[in-house]
Amino acid sequence: MPAERREKIMEWFSSNQVASSQDLAKRLNTSISTIRRDLDFLAQQGVVRRTHGGAVRVRRSTTFEQLVDEARQTAVEEKRAIAVAAAKLLQPEQSIFIDSRSTLHQFAYVVAELTTPLTVVTNDVHVADVLVNKPHIKLVVPGGICRPGAYSLLGETAINFVRELRCDHLFLSSQAIDTECASDTSLELVQLQRAMIDSSVETTLLIDSSRFGSRAIYRTTPIERINRIITDEGLNHDERAKFASVVADLVIAPYVDAIQEEPE
């Protein structure tokens, strides 16, 4: 029965952040099209947010943060689409900040494939690893202490270094975004992000659609400080209209066919 099936799906999301339609279909011994209809129903009820290949649980508190390894496997197609769209903004000889987290990892993979000469400043050691020794990239990595369970370098050393820079463009990440501000769960990360915003001519937020309309505990920046938001096709029409009225440029990135595999 649909009600029983949806209850089992909700039980799964009570202890898991993400699920693909294919995995749920196997678990419940039903068709993928049936699971998609169930997920659409649960999304309408506000229990989950749909992604291209499944769904993610709606955050329950302002301090919730997805596990790093889980985040890297969540909404990969969406993040890849966002990264490809963001790369179209790059100009030769620009200096850019690349922030931390899984969406920016996808962006780094795309940047690594280009030949456009860039100076890249990043506080993410995985981004640095992807871009190191690329002939078209001059790589700058601020010092700092690696955040436990993450890839970001944080602290006063990194903040002081960033304050001395003047970059053309910041590609920013965020745990949450509403029409008032972007916000995050780490105060140290937010402090560094604020310094990067202050040191950049323009700021583009790369954020998948599952994070819209939510809040995290620490305010990163008012929405007015963000020049552009790039997200995926999963953002519903009401949210699109709402954010298009408060940000200068809202870009909806179309899905791409190929997903960049992580280097071994």
C-alpha atoms as a PDB file:
ATOM      1  CA  MET A   1       0.000   0.000   0.000  1.00  0.00           C
ATOM      2  CA  PRO A   2       1.277   3.519  -0.752  1.00  0.00           C
ATOM      3  CA  ALA A   3       0.936   4.677   2.871  1.00  0.00           C
ATOM      4  CA  GLU A   4       2.960   1.718   4.164  1.00  0.00           C
ATOM      5  CA  ARG A   5       5.609   2.170   1.493  1.00  0.00           C
ATOM      6  CA  ARG A   6       5.968   5.880   2.263  1.00  0.00           C
ATOM      7  CA  GLU A   7       6.215   5.125   5.966  1.00  0.00           C
ATOM      8  CA  LYS A   8       9.126   2.781   5.256  1.00  0.00           C
ATOM      9  CA  ILE A   9      10.780   5.492   3.172  1.00  0.00           C
ATOM     10  CA  MET A  10      10.358   7.946   6.035  1.00  0.00           C
ATOM     11  CA  GLU A  11      11.895   5.383   8.414  1.00  0.00           C
ATOM     12  CA  TRP A  12      14.931   5.242   6.127  1.00  0.00           C
ATOM     13  CA  PHE A  13      15.291   9.023   6.150  1.00  0.00           C
ATOM     14  CA  SER A  14      14.960   9.135   9.939  1.00  0.00           C
ATOM     15  CA  SER A  15      18.481   7.700  10.175  1.00  0.00           C
ATOM     16  CA  ASN A  16      19.922   8.544   6.724  1.00  0.00           C
ATOM     17  CA  GLN A  17      20.416  11.844   4.962  1.00  0.00           C
ATOM     18  CA  VAL A  18      20.248  10.712   1.340  1.00  0.00           C
ATOM     19  CA  ALA A  19      18.774   7.958  -0.823  1.00  0.00           C
ATOM     20  CA  SER A  20      18.667   7.217  -4.519  1.00  0.00           C
ATOM     21  CA  SER A  21      15.466   6.132  -6.231  1.00  0.00           C
ATOM     22  CA  GLN A  22      17.223   2.983  -7.412  1.00  0.00           C
ATOM     23  CA  ASP A  23      18.321   1.929  -3.915  1.00  0.00           C
ATOM     24  CA  LEU A  24      14.886   2.549  -2.427  1.00  0.00           C
ATOM     25  CA  ALA A  25      13.235   0.578  -5.234  1.00  0.00           C
ATOM     26  CA  LYS A  26      15.465  -2.393  -4.451  1.00  0.00           C
ATOM     27  CA  ARG A  27      14.866  -2.133  -0.703  1.00  0.00           C
ATOM     28  CA  LEU A  28      11.097  -1.962  -1.085  1.00  0.00           C
ATOM     29  CA  ASN A  29      10.888  -4.349  -4.030  1.00  0.00           C
ATOM     30  CA  THR A  30       9.006  -1.927  -6.232  1.00  0.00           C
ATOM     31  CA  SER A  31       9.568   0.048  -9.411  1.00  0.00           C
ATOM     32  CA  ILE A  32      11.716   3.170  -9.687  1.00  0.00           C
ATOM     33  CA  SER A  33       8.760   5.099 -11.140  1.00  0.00           C
ATOM     34  CA  THR A  34       6.698   4.222  -8.045  1.00  0.00           C
ATOM     35  CA  ILE A  35       9.473   5.396  -5.736  1.00  0.00           C
ATOM     36  CA  ARG A  36       9.770   8.629  -7.694  1.00  0.00           C
ATOM     37  CA  ARG A  37       6.061   9.298  -7.152  1.00  0.00           C
ATOM     38  CA  ASP A  38       6.479   8.536  -3.441  1.00  0.00           C
ATOM     39  CA  LEU A  39       9.420  10.907  -3.175  1.00  0.00           C
ATOM     40  CA  ASP A  40       7.482  13.604  -5.023  1.00  0.00           C
ATOM     41  CA  PHE A  41       4.661  13.171  -2.506  1.00  0.00           C
ATOM     42  CA  LEU A  42       7.031  13.347   0.482  1.00  0.00           C
ATOM     43  CA  ALA A  43       8.704  16.409  -1.019  1.00  0.00           C
ATOM     44  CA  GLN A  44       5.304  18.127  -1.216  1.00  0.00           C
ATOM     45  CA  GLN A  45       4.843  17.305   2.476  1.00  0.00           C
ATOM     46  CA  GLY A  46       8.198  18.912   3.291  1.00  0.00           C
ATOM     47  CA  VAL A  47       9.807  15.667   4.521  1.00  0.00           C
ATOM     48  CA  VAL A  48      12.487  15.481   1.820  1.00  0.00           C
ATOM     49  CA  ARG A  49      13.881  17.556  -1.014  1.00  0.00           C
ATOM     50  CA  ARG A  50      14.134  15.914  -4.406  1.00  0.00           C
ATOM     51  CA  THR A  51      17.425  15.544  -6.227  1.00  0.00           C
ATOM     52  CA  HIS A  52      18.024  14.403  -9.793  1.00  0.00           C
ATOM     53  CA  GLY A  53      18.521  10.770  -8.766  1.00  0.00           C
ATOM     54  CA  GLY A  54      16.609  10.553  -5.495  1.00  0.00           C
ATOM     55  CA  ALA A  55      16.083  12.745  -2.453  1.00  0.00           C
ATOM     56  CA  VAL A  56      17.757  14.222   0.630  1.00  0.00           C
ATOM     57  CA  ARG A  57      16.265  14.678   4.074  1.00  0.00           C
ATOM     58  CA  VAL A  58      15.195  18.192   4.985  1.00  0.00           C
ATOM     59  CA  ARG A  59      17.512  19.583   7.657  1.00  0.00           C
ATOM     60  CA  ARG A  60      16.034  19.481  11.150  1.00  0.00           C
ATOM     61  CA  SER A  61      18.163  22.008  13.022  1.00  0.00           C
ATOM     62  CA  THR A  62      20.417  24.985  12.417  1.00  0.00           C
ATOM     63  CA  THR A  63      23.428  22.990  13.664  1.00  0.00           C
ATOM     64  CA  PHE A  64      22.943  19.964  11.390  1.00  0.00           C
ATOM     65  CA  GLU A  65      25.873  19.250   9.084  1.00  0.00           C
ATOM     66  CA  GLN A  66      26.089  16.325   6.710  1.00  0.00           C
ATOM     67  CA  LEU A  67      29.061  13.983   7.066  1.00  0.00           C
ATOM     68  CA  VAL A  68      31.837  14.824   4.606  1.00  0.00           C
ATOM     69  CA  ASP A  69      31.908  11.440   2.869  1.00  0.00           C
ATOM     70  CA  GLU A  70      28.112  11.456   2.641  1.00  0.00           C
ATOM     71  CA  ALA A  71      28.072  14.954   1.170  1.00  0.00           C
ATOM     72  CA  ARG A  72      30.563  13.906  -1.515  1.00  0.00           C
ATOM     73  CA  GLN A  73      28.116  11.204  -2.658  1.00  0.00           C
ATOM     74  CA  THR A  74      24.982  13.357  -2.449  1.00  0.00           C
ATOM     75  CA  ALA A  75      23.488  15.201  -5.454  1.00  0.00           C
ATOM     76  CA  VAL A  76      26.624  14.575  -7.525  1.00  0.00           C
ATOM     77  CA  GLU A  77      24.883  15.276 -10.842  1.00  0.00           C
ATOM     78  CA  GLU A  78      23.520  18.545  -9.481  1.00  0.00           C
ATOM     79  CA  LYS A  79      26.922  19.640  -8.190  1.00  0.00           C
ATOM     80  CA  ARG A  80      28.613  18.721 -11.460  1.00  0.00           C
ATOM     81  CA  ALA A  81      26.056  20.799 -13.397  1.00  0.00           C
ATOM     82  CA  ILE A  82      26.656  23.758 -11.079  1.00  0.00           C
ATOM     83  CA  ALA A  83      30.428  23.420 -11.509  1.00  0.00           C
ATOM     84  CA  VAL A  84      30.224  23.385 -15.309  1.00  0.00           C
ATOM     85  CA  ALA A  85      28.038  26.506 -15.294  1.00  0.00           C
ATOM     86  CA  ALA A  86      30.392  28.286 -12.890  1.00  0.00           C
ATOM     87  CA  ALA A  87      33.434  27.550 -15.052  1.00  0.00           C
ATOM     88  CA  LYS A  88      31.864  29.529 -17.894  1.00  0.00           C
ATOM     89  CA  LEU A  89      32.420  32.681 -15.825  1.00  0.00           C
ATOM     90  CA  LEU A  90      36.198  32.304 -15.758  1.00  0.00           C
ATOM     91  CA  GLN A  91      38.376  34.721 -17.706  1.00  0.00           C
ATOM     92  CA  PRO A  92      42.083  34.328 -18.587  1.00  0.00           C
ATOM     93  CA  GLU A  93      44.535  35.648 -16.004  1.00  0.00           C
ATOM     94  CA  GLN A  94      41.893  36.041 -13.297  1.00  0.00           C
ATOM     95  CA  SER A  95      42.672  35.511  -9.633  1.00  0.00           C
ATOM     96  CA  ILE A  96      39.953  33.474  -7.905  1.00  0.00           C
ATOM     97  CA  PHE A  97      39.141  32.095  -4.482  1.00  0.00           C
ATOM     98  CA  ILE A  98      37.735  28.573  -4.382  1.00  0.00           C
ATOM     99  CA  ASP A  99      35.987  27.845  -1.096  1.00  0.00           C
ATOM    100  CA  SER A 100      35.633  24.430   0.551  1.00  0.00           C
ATOM    101  CA  ARG A 101      33.149  21.493   0.402  1.00  0.00           C
ATOM    102  CA  SER A 102      31.900  18.948  -2.118  1.00  0.00           C
ATOM    103  CA  THR A 103      30.326  21.324  -4.661  1.00  0.00           C
ATOM    104  CA  LEU A 104      33.630  23.187  -4.901  1.00  0.00           C
ATOM    105  CA  HIS A 105      35.412  19.841  -5.315  1.00  0.00           C
ATOM    106  CA  GLN A 106      33.355  19.299  -8.465  1.00  0.00           C
ATOM    107  CA  PHE A 107      34.255  22.829  -9.551  1.00  0.00           C
ATOM    108  CA  ALA A 108      37.944  22.030  -9.053  1.00  0.00           C
ATOM    109  CA  TYR A 109      37.637  18.973 -11.325  1.00  0.00           C
ATOM    110  CA  VAL A 110      36.174  21.172 -14.061  1.00  0.00           C
ATOM    111  CA  VAL A 111      38.825  23.889 -13.605  1.00  0.00           C
ATOM    112  CA  ALA A 112      41.554  21.238 -13.785  1.00  0.00           C
ATOM    113  CA  GLU A 113      40.321  20.229 -17.250  1.00  0.00           C
ATOM    114  CA  LEU A 114      40.587  23.768 -18.637  1.00  0.00           C
ATOM    115  CA  THR A 115      43.537  25.517 -20.231  1.00  0.00           C
ATOM    116  CA  THR A 116      42.529  29.005 -19.037  1.00  0.00           C
ATOM    117  CA  PRO A 117      45.439  30.554 -17.077  1.00  0.00           C
ATOM    118  CA  LEU A 118      44.300  31.330 -13.529  1.00  0.00           C
ATOM    119  CA  THR A 119      45.653  32.138 -10.099  1.00  0.00           C
ATOM    120  CA  VAL A 120      43.676  30.024  -7.628  1.00  0.00           C
ATOM    121  CA  VAL A 121      43.602  30.645  -3.884  1.00  0.00           C
ATOM    122  CA  THR A 122      41.920  27.878  -1.901  1.00  0.00           C
ATOM    123  CA  ASN A 123      41.565  26.883   1.729  1.00  0.00           C
ATOM    124  CA  ASP A 124      40.515  23.337   0.773  1.00  0.00           C
ATOM    125  CA  VAL A 125      43.261  20.714   0.644  1.00  0.00           C
ATOM    126  CA  HIS A 126      41.270  18.477  -1.713  1.00  0.00           C
ATOM    127  CA  VAL A 127      40.788  21.347  -4.173  1.00  0.00           C
ATOM    128  CA  ALA A 128      44.512  22.053  -3.889  1.00  0.00           C
ATOM    129  CA  ASP A 129      45.319  18.398  -4.570  1.00  0.00           C
ATOM    130  CA  VAL A 130      43.171  18.432  -7.719  1.00  0.00           C
ATOM    131  CA  LEU A 131      44.795  21.616  -9.053  1.00  0.00           C
ATOM    132  CA  VAL A 132      48.398  21.135  -7.985  1.00  0.00           C
ATOM    133  CA  ASN A 133      50.968  21.025 -10.826  1.00  0.00           C
ATOM    134  CA  LYS A 134      48.430  21.966 -13.479  1.00  0.00           C
ATOM    135  CA  PRO A 135      50.348  24.081 -16.018  1.00  0.00           C
ATOM    136  CA  HIS A 136      47.570  26.673 -16.354  1.00  0.00           C
ATOM    137  CA  ILE A 137      47.109  27.116 -12.581  1.00  0.00           C
ATOM    138  CA  LYS A 138      49.164  29.216 -10.180  1.00  0.00           C
ATOM    139  CA  LEU A 139      48.093  27.705  -6.861  1.00  0.00           C
ATOM    140  CA  VAL A 140      48.082  29.606  -3.547  1.00  0.00           C
ATOM    141  CA  VAL A 141      47.142  27.820  -0.311  1.00  0.00           C
ATOM    142  CA  PRO A 142      46.812  29.890   2.880  1.00  0.00           C
ATOM    143  CA  GLY A 143      48.116  28.329   6.060  1.00  0.00           C
ATOM    144  CA  GLY A 144      45.855  27.134   8.820  1.00  0.00           C
ATOM    145  CA  ILE A 145      44.630  24.156  10.781  1.00  0.00           C
ATOM    146  CA  CYS A 146      42.657  21.447   8.981  1.00  0.00           C
ATOM    147  CA  ARG A 147      39.122  21.238  10.291  1.00  0.00           C
ATOM    148  CA  PRO A 148      38.472  17.777  11.833  1.00  0.00           C
ATOM    149  CA  GLY A 149      36.562  15.523   9.455  1.00  0.00           C
ATOM    150  CA  ALA A 150      36.806  18.031   6.612  1.00  0.00           C
ATOM    151  CA  TYR A 151      39.242  19.387   4.018  1.00  0.00           C
ATOM    152  CA  SER A 152      39.253  23.074   4.952  1.00  0.00           C
ATOM    153  CA  LEU A 153      42.175  24.976   6.474  1.00  0.00           C
ATOM    154  CA  LEU A 154      40.957  27.464   9.070  1.00  0.00           C
ATOM    155  CA  GLY A 155      42.168  29.844  11.764  1.00  0.00           C
ATOM    156  CA  GLU A 156      43.797  33.260  12.184  1.00  0.00           C
ATOM    157  CA  THR A 157      46.747  32.389   9.930  1.00  0.00           C
ATOM    158  CA  ALA A 158      44.411  31.777   6.992  1.00  0.00           C
ATOM    159  CA  ILE A 159      42.238  34.824   7.747  1.00  0.00           C
ATOM    160  CA  ASN A 160      45.202  37.196   8.029  1.00  0.00           C
ATOM    161  CA  PHE A 161      46.653  35.898   4.764  1.00  0.00           C
ATOM    162  CA  VAL A 162      43.353  36.283   2.898  1.00  0.00           C
ATOM    163  CA  ARG A 163      42.928  39.850   4.164  1.00  0.00           C
ATOM    164  CA  GLU A 164      46.121  40.826   2.326  1.00  0.00           C
ATOM    165  CA  LEU A 165      44.757  39.627  -1.030  1.00  0.00           C
ATOM    166  CA  ARG A 166      42.594  41.262  -3.679  1.00  0.00           C
ATOM    167  CA  CYS A 167      41.020  38.638  -5.936  1.00  0.00           C
ATOM    168  CA  ASP A 168      38.729  39.031  -8.929  1.00  0.00           C
ATOM    169  CA  HIS A 169      36.187  36.386  -8.017  1.00  0.00           C
ATOM    170  CA  LEU A 170      35.143  34.230  -5.058  1.00  0.00           C
ATOM    171  CA  PHE A 171      33.364  30.940  -5.662  1.00  0.00           C
ATOM    172  CA  LEU A 172      31.629  30.401  -2.337  1.00  0.00           C
ATOM    173  CA  SER A 173      29.873  27.438  -0.715  1.00  0.00           C
ATOM    174  CA  SER A 174      27.256  27.411   2.018  1.00  0.00           C
ATOM    175  CA  GLN A 175      25.336  24.983   4.189  1.00  0.00           C
ATOM    176  CA  ALA A 176      22.121  26.983   3.828  1.00  0.00           C
ATOM    177  CA  ILE A 177      20.599  29.927   2.011  1.00  0.00           C
ATOM    178  CA  ASP A 178      17.416  31.926   2.510  1.00  0.00           C
ATOM    179  CA  THR A 179      16.332  35.295   1.148  1.00  0.00           C
ATOM    180  CA  GLU A 180      18.076  37.085   4.027  1.00  0.00           C
ATOM    181  CA  CYS A 181      21.527  35.515   4.090  1.00  0.00           C
ATOM    182  CA  ALA A 182      23.822  32.567   3.499  1.00  0.00           C
ATOM    183  CA  SER A 183      24.683  30.677   6.677  1.00  0.00           C
ATOM    184  CA  ASP A 184      26.838  27.843   7.923  1.00  0.00           C
ATOM    185  CA  THR A 185      27.524  25.542  10.886  1.00  0.00           C
ATOM    186  CA  SER A 186      31.185  26.411  11.594  1.00  0.00           C
ATOM    187  CA  LEU A 187      32.066  29.804  13.068  1.00  0.00           C
ATOM    188  CA  GLU A 188      35.732  29.468  12.027  1.00  0.00           C
ATOM    189  CA  LEU A 189      34.718  28.708   8.444  1.00  0.00           C
ATOM    190  CA  VAL A 190      32.278  31.624   8.364  1.00  0.00           C
ATOM    191  CA  GLN A 191      34.982  34.007   9.599  1.00  0.00           C
ATOM    192  CA  LEU A 192      37.278  32.928   6.779  1.00  0.00           C
ATOM    193  CA  GLN A 193      34.478  33.157   4.208  1.00  0.00           C
ATOM    194  CA  ARG A 194      33.740  36.724   5.318  1.00  0.00           C
ATOM    195  CA  ALA A 195      37.394  37.638   4.784  1.00  0.00           C
ATOM    196  CA  MET A 196      37.288  36.108   1.284  1.00  0.00           C
ATOM    197  CA  ILE A 197      34.142  38.067   0.429  1.00  0.00           C
ATOM    198  CA  ASP A 198      35.770  41.303   1.589  1.00  0.00           C
ATOM    199  CA  SER A 199      38.850  40.535  -0.540  1.00  0.00           C
ATOM    200  CA  SER A 200      36.916  39.767  -3.740  1.00  0.00           C
ATOM    201  CA  VAL A 201      35.507  41.983  -6.463  1.00  0.00           C
ATOM    202  CA  GLU A 202      32.522  39.674  -6.898  1.00  0.00           C
ATOM    203  CA  THR A 203      31.083  36.611  -5.165  1.00  0.00           C
ATOM    204  CA  THR A 204      29.285  33.682  -6.766  1.00  0.00           C
ATOM    205  CA  LEU A 205      27.558  31.172  -4.498  1.00  0.00           C
ATOM    206  CA  LEU A 206      27.567  27.569  -5.742  1.00  0.00           C
ATOM    207  CA  ILE A 207      24.827  25.694  -3.902  1.00  0.00           C
ATOM    208  CA  ASP A 208      22.585  22.746  -4.747  1.00  0.00           C
ATOM    209  CA  SER A 209      18.819  23.123  -4.576  1.00  0.00           C
ATOM    210  CA  SER A 210      18.388  20.972  -1.443  1.00  0.00           C
ATOM    211  CA  ARG A 211      19.906  23.758   0.691  1.00  0.00           C
ATOM    212  CA  PHE A 212      17.471  26.528  -0.240  1.00  0.00           C
ATOM    213  CA  GLY A 213      14.995  27.920   2.251  1.00  0.00           C
ATOM    214  CA  SER A 214      16.983  26.647   5.258  1.00  0.00           C
ATOM    215  CA  ARG A 215      19.182  28.240   7.906  1.00  0.00           C
ATOM    216  CA  ALA A 216      22.370  27.294   9.696  1.00  0.00           C
ATOM    217  CA  ILE A 217      23.435  28.794  13.013  1.00  0.00           C
ATOM    218  CA  TYR A 218      26.130  31.247  11.839  1.00  0.00           C
ATOM    219  CA  ARG A 219      25.388  34.026   9.339  1.00  0.00           C
ATOM    220  CA  THR A 220      27.993  34.092   6.564  1.00  0.00           C
ATOM    221  CA  THR A 221      26.901  37.125   4.576  1.00  0.00           C
ATOM    222  CA  PRO A 222      23.764  39.107   3.731  1.00  0.00           C
ATOM    223  CA  ILE A 223      22.196  38.129   0.428  1.00  0.00           C
ATOM    224  CA  GLU A 224      23.080  41.604  -0.892  1.00  0.00           C
ATOM    225  CA  ARG A 225      26.797  40.734  -0.789  1.00  0.00           C
ATOM    226  CA  ILE A 226      26.275  37.817  -3.186  1.00  0.00           C
ATOM    227  CA  ASN A 227      26.447  38.842  -6.840  1.00  0.00           C
ATOM    228  CA  ARG A 228      25.273  35.568  -8.274  1.00  0.00           C
ATOM    229  CA  ILE A 229      23.800  32.222  -7.214  1.00  0.00           C
ATOM    230  CA  ILE A 230      24.275  29.116  -9.339  1.00  0.00           C
ATOM    231  CA  THR A 231      22.080  26.137  -8.498  1.00  0.00           C
ATOM    232  CA  ASP A 232      20.534  23.123 -10.215  1.00  0.00           C
ATOM    233  CA  GLU A 233      17.232  22.373 -11.938  1.00  0.00           C
ATOM    234  CA  GLY A 234      15.788  20.900  -8.733  1.00  0.00           C
ATOM    235  CA  LEU A 235      14.942  24.378  -7.404  1.00  0.00           C
ATOM    236  CA  ASN A 236      11.164  24.729  -7.622  1.00  0.00           C
ATOM    237  CA  HIS A 237       9.487  27.597  -9.431  1.00  0.00           C
ATOM    238  CA  ASP A 238       8.337  29.368  -6.258  1.00  0.00           C
ATOM    239  CA  GLU A 239      11.888  29.401  -4.868  1.00  0.00           C
ATOM    240  CA  ARG A 240      13.252  30.541  -8.237  1.00  0.00           C
ATOM    241  CA  ALA A 241      10.924  33.524  -8.281  1.00  0.00           C
ATOM    242  CA  LYS A 242      11.686  34.365  -4.656  1.00  0.00           C
ATOM    243  CA  PHE A 243      15.473  34.341  -5.046  1.00  0.00           C
ATOM    244  CA  ALA A 244      15.438  36.002  -8.470  1.00  0.00           C
ATOM    245  CA  SER A 245      13.929  39.032  -6.721  1.00  0.00           C
ATOM    246  CA  VAL A 246      16.724  39.358  -4.132  1.00  0.00           C
ATOM    247  CA  VAL A 247      19.899  38.444  -6.049  1.00  0.00           C
ATOM    248  CA  ALA A 248      21.217  40.143  -9.177  1.00  0.00           C
ATOM    249  CA  ASP A 249      21.772  36.905 -11.098  1.00  0.00           C
ATOM    250  CA  LEU A 250      20.184  33.500 -10.429  1.00  0.00           C
ATOM    251  CA  VAL A 251      21.593  30.803 -12.733  1.00  0.00           C
ATOM    252  CA  ILE A 252      19.850  27.430 -13.086  1.00  0.00           C
ATOM    253  CA  ALA A 253      22.468  24.961 -14.303  1.00  0.00           C
ATOM    254  CA  PRO A 254      21.222  22.238 -16.683  1.00  0.00           C
ATOM    255  CA  TYR A 255      22.256  18.679 -15.928  1.00  0.00           C
ATOM    256  CA  VAL A 256      25.255  17.355 -17.831  1.00  0.00           C
ATOM    257  CA  ASP A 257      25.651  13.878 -19.245  1.00  0.00           C
ATOM    258  CA  ALA A 258      28.975  12.901 -17.717  1.00  0.00           C
ATOM    259  CA  ILE A 259      29.963  12.997 -14.069  1.00  0.00           C
ATOM    260  CA  GLN A 260      33.618  13.627 -13.307  1.00  0.00           C
ATOM    261  CA  GLU A 261      35.121  10.709 -11.421  1.00  0.00           C
ATOM    262  CA  GLU A 262      37.457  11.459  -8.549  1.00  0.00           C
ATOM    263  CA  PRO A 263      41.122  10.779  -9.311  1.00  0.00           C
ATOM    264  CA  GLU A 264      42.557   7.705  -7.642  1.00  0.00           C
END
